[in-house]
Amino acid sequence: MKDMQAQLEKLRTDAAECALIRDLATDPKKRDLFTRLADHLSVLAAEVERAIAEGVSKG
């Protein structure tokens, strides 16, 4: 379970870093790319969080 929690934190951190890069980017293509990356990483983090919650509830 600790491994999943660590992966969840890494995904959240990576999503935040992508969002920061997006906010600093001046090139529209780079902004779009980092927006998509941040969104994708956020979805992955939500899925890991859901899996952790299901694992805890199943005991």
C-alpha atoms as a PDB file:
ATOM      1  CA  MET A   1       0.000   0.000   0.000  1.00  0.00           C
ATOM      2  CA  LYS A   2       2.923   2.339   0.688  1.00  0.00           C
ATOM      3  CA  ASP A   3       4.094   1.875  -2.910  1.00  0.00           C
ATOM      4  CA  MET A   4       0.707   2.955  -4.239  1.00  0.00           C
ATOM      5  CA  GLN A   5       0.666   5.970  -1.919  1.00  0.00           C
ATOM      6  CA  ALA A   6       4.145   6.949  -3.110  1.00  0.00           C
ATOM      7  CA  GLN A   7       3.057   6.631  -6.744  1.00  0.00           C
ATOM      8  CA  LEU A   8      -0.017   8.743  -6.017  1.00  0.00           C
ATOM      9  CA  GLU A   9       2.129  11.523  -4.554  1.00  0.00           C
ATOM     10  CA  LYS A  10       4.522  11.328  -7.524  1.00  0.00           C
ATOM     11  CA  LEU A  11       1.646  11.609  -9.996  1.00  0.00           C
ATOM     12  CA  ARG A  12       0.248  14.609  -8.141  1.00  0.00           C
ATOM     13  CA  THR A  13       3.669  16.271  -8.050  1.00  0.00           C
ATOM     14  CA  ASP A  14       4.256  15.616 -11.742  1.00  0.00           C
ATOM     15  CA  ALA A  15       0.812  17.015 -12.616  1.00  0.00           C
ATOM     16  CA  ALA A  16       1.546  20.174 -10.623  1.00  0.00           C
ATOM     17  CA  GLU A  17       4.928  20.573 -12.331  1.00  0.00           C
ATOM     18  CA  CYS A  18       3.338  20.197 -15.758  1.00  0.00           C
ATOM     19  CA  ALA A  19       0.753  22.817 -14.838  1.00  0.00           C
ATOM     20  CA  LEU A  20       3.538  25.177 -13.735  1.00  0.00           C
ATOM     21  CA  ILE A  21       5.450  24.646 -16.978  1.00  0.00           C
ATOM     22  CA  ARG A  22       2.202  25.228 -18.890  1.00  0.00           C
ATOM     23  CA  ASP A  23       1.677  28.511 -17.063  1.00  0.00           C
ATOM     24  CA  LEU A  24       5.205  29.666 -17.854  1.00  0.00           C
ATOM     25  CA  ALA A  25       5.271  28.535 -21.495  1.00  0.00           C
ATOM     26  CA  THR A  26       4.969  31.190 -24.179  1.00  0.00           C
ATOM     27  CA  ASP A  27       4.629  28.796 -27.105  1.00  0.00           C
ATOM     28  CA  PRO A  28       0.977  27.806 -27.637  1.00  0.00           C
ATOM     29  CA  LYS A  29       1.956  24.272 -28.684  1.00  0.00           C
ATOM     30  CA  LYS A  30       3.939  23.775 -25.497  1.00  0.00           C
ATOM     31  CA  ARG A  31       1.086  25.188 -23.419  1.00  0.00           C
ATOM     32  CA  ASP A  32      -1.297  22.739 -25.058  1.00  0.00           C
ATOM     33  CA  LEU A  33       1.084  19.816 -24.552  1.00  0.00           C
ATOM     34  CA  PHE A  34       1.640  20.551 -20.864  1.00  0.00           C
ATOM     35  CA  THR A  35      -2.076  21.137 -20.336  1.00  0.00           C
ATOM     36  CA  ARG A  36      -2.783  17.679 -21.735  1.00  0.00           C
ATOM     37  CA  LEU A  37       0.028  16.137 -19.669  1.00  0.00           C
ATOM     38  CA  ALA A  38      -1.199  17.767 -16.454  1.00  0.00           C
ATOM     39  CA  ASP A  39      -4.756  16.632 -17.149  1.00  0.00           C
ATOM     40  CA  HIS A  40      -3.661  13.083 -17.934  1.00  0.00           C
ATOM     41  CA  LEU A  41      -1.507  12.822 -14.830  1.00  0.00           C
ATOM     42  CA  SER A  42      -4.386  14.148 -12.720  1.00  0.00           C
ATOM     43  CA  VAL A  43      -6.674  11.449 -14.115  1.00  0.00           C
ATOM     44  CA  LEU A  44      -4.075   8.789 -13.373  1.00  0.00           C
ATOM     45  CA  ALA A  45      -3.709  10.110  -9.816  1.00  0.00           C
ATOM     46  CA  ALA A  46      -7.476   9.942  -9.352  1.00  0.00           C
ATOM     47  CA  GLU A  47      -7.480   6.339 -10.558  1.00  0.00           C
ATOM     48  CA  VAL A  48      -4.699   5.358  -8.163  1.00  0.00           C
ATOM     49  CA  GLU A  49      -6.508   7.132  -5.339  1.00  0.00           C
ATOM     50  CA  ARG A  50      -9.685   5.216  -6.176  1.00  0.00           C
ATOM     51  CA  ALA A  51      -7.766   1.935  -6.246  1.00  0.00           C
ATOM     52  CA  ILE A  52      -6.250   2.704  -2.846  1.00  0.00           C
ATOM     53  CA  ALA A  53      -9.690   3.516  -1.426  1.00  0.00           C
ATOM     54  CA  GLU A  54     -11.138   0.289  -2.831  1.00  0.00           C
ATOM     55  CA  GLY A  55      -8.266  -1.693  -1.397  1.00  0.00           C
ATOM     56  CA  VAL A  56      -8.772  -0.172   2.029  1.00  0.00           C
ATOM     57  CA  SER A  57     -12.525  -0.770   1.978  1.00  0.00           C
ATOM     58  CA  LYS A  58     -12.060  -4.410   0.966  1.00  0.00           C
ATOM     59  CA  GLY A  59      -9.649  -4.834   3.800  1.00  0.00           C
END
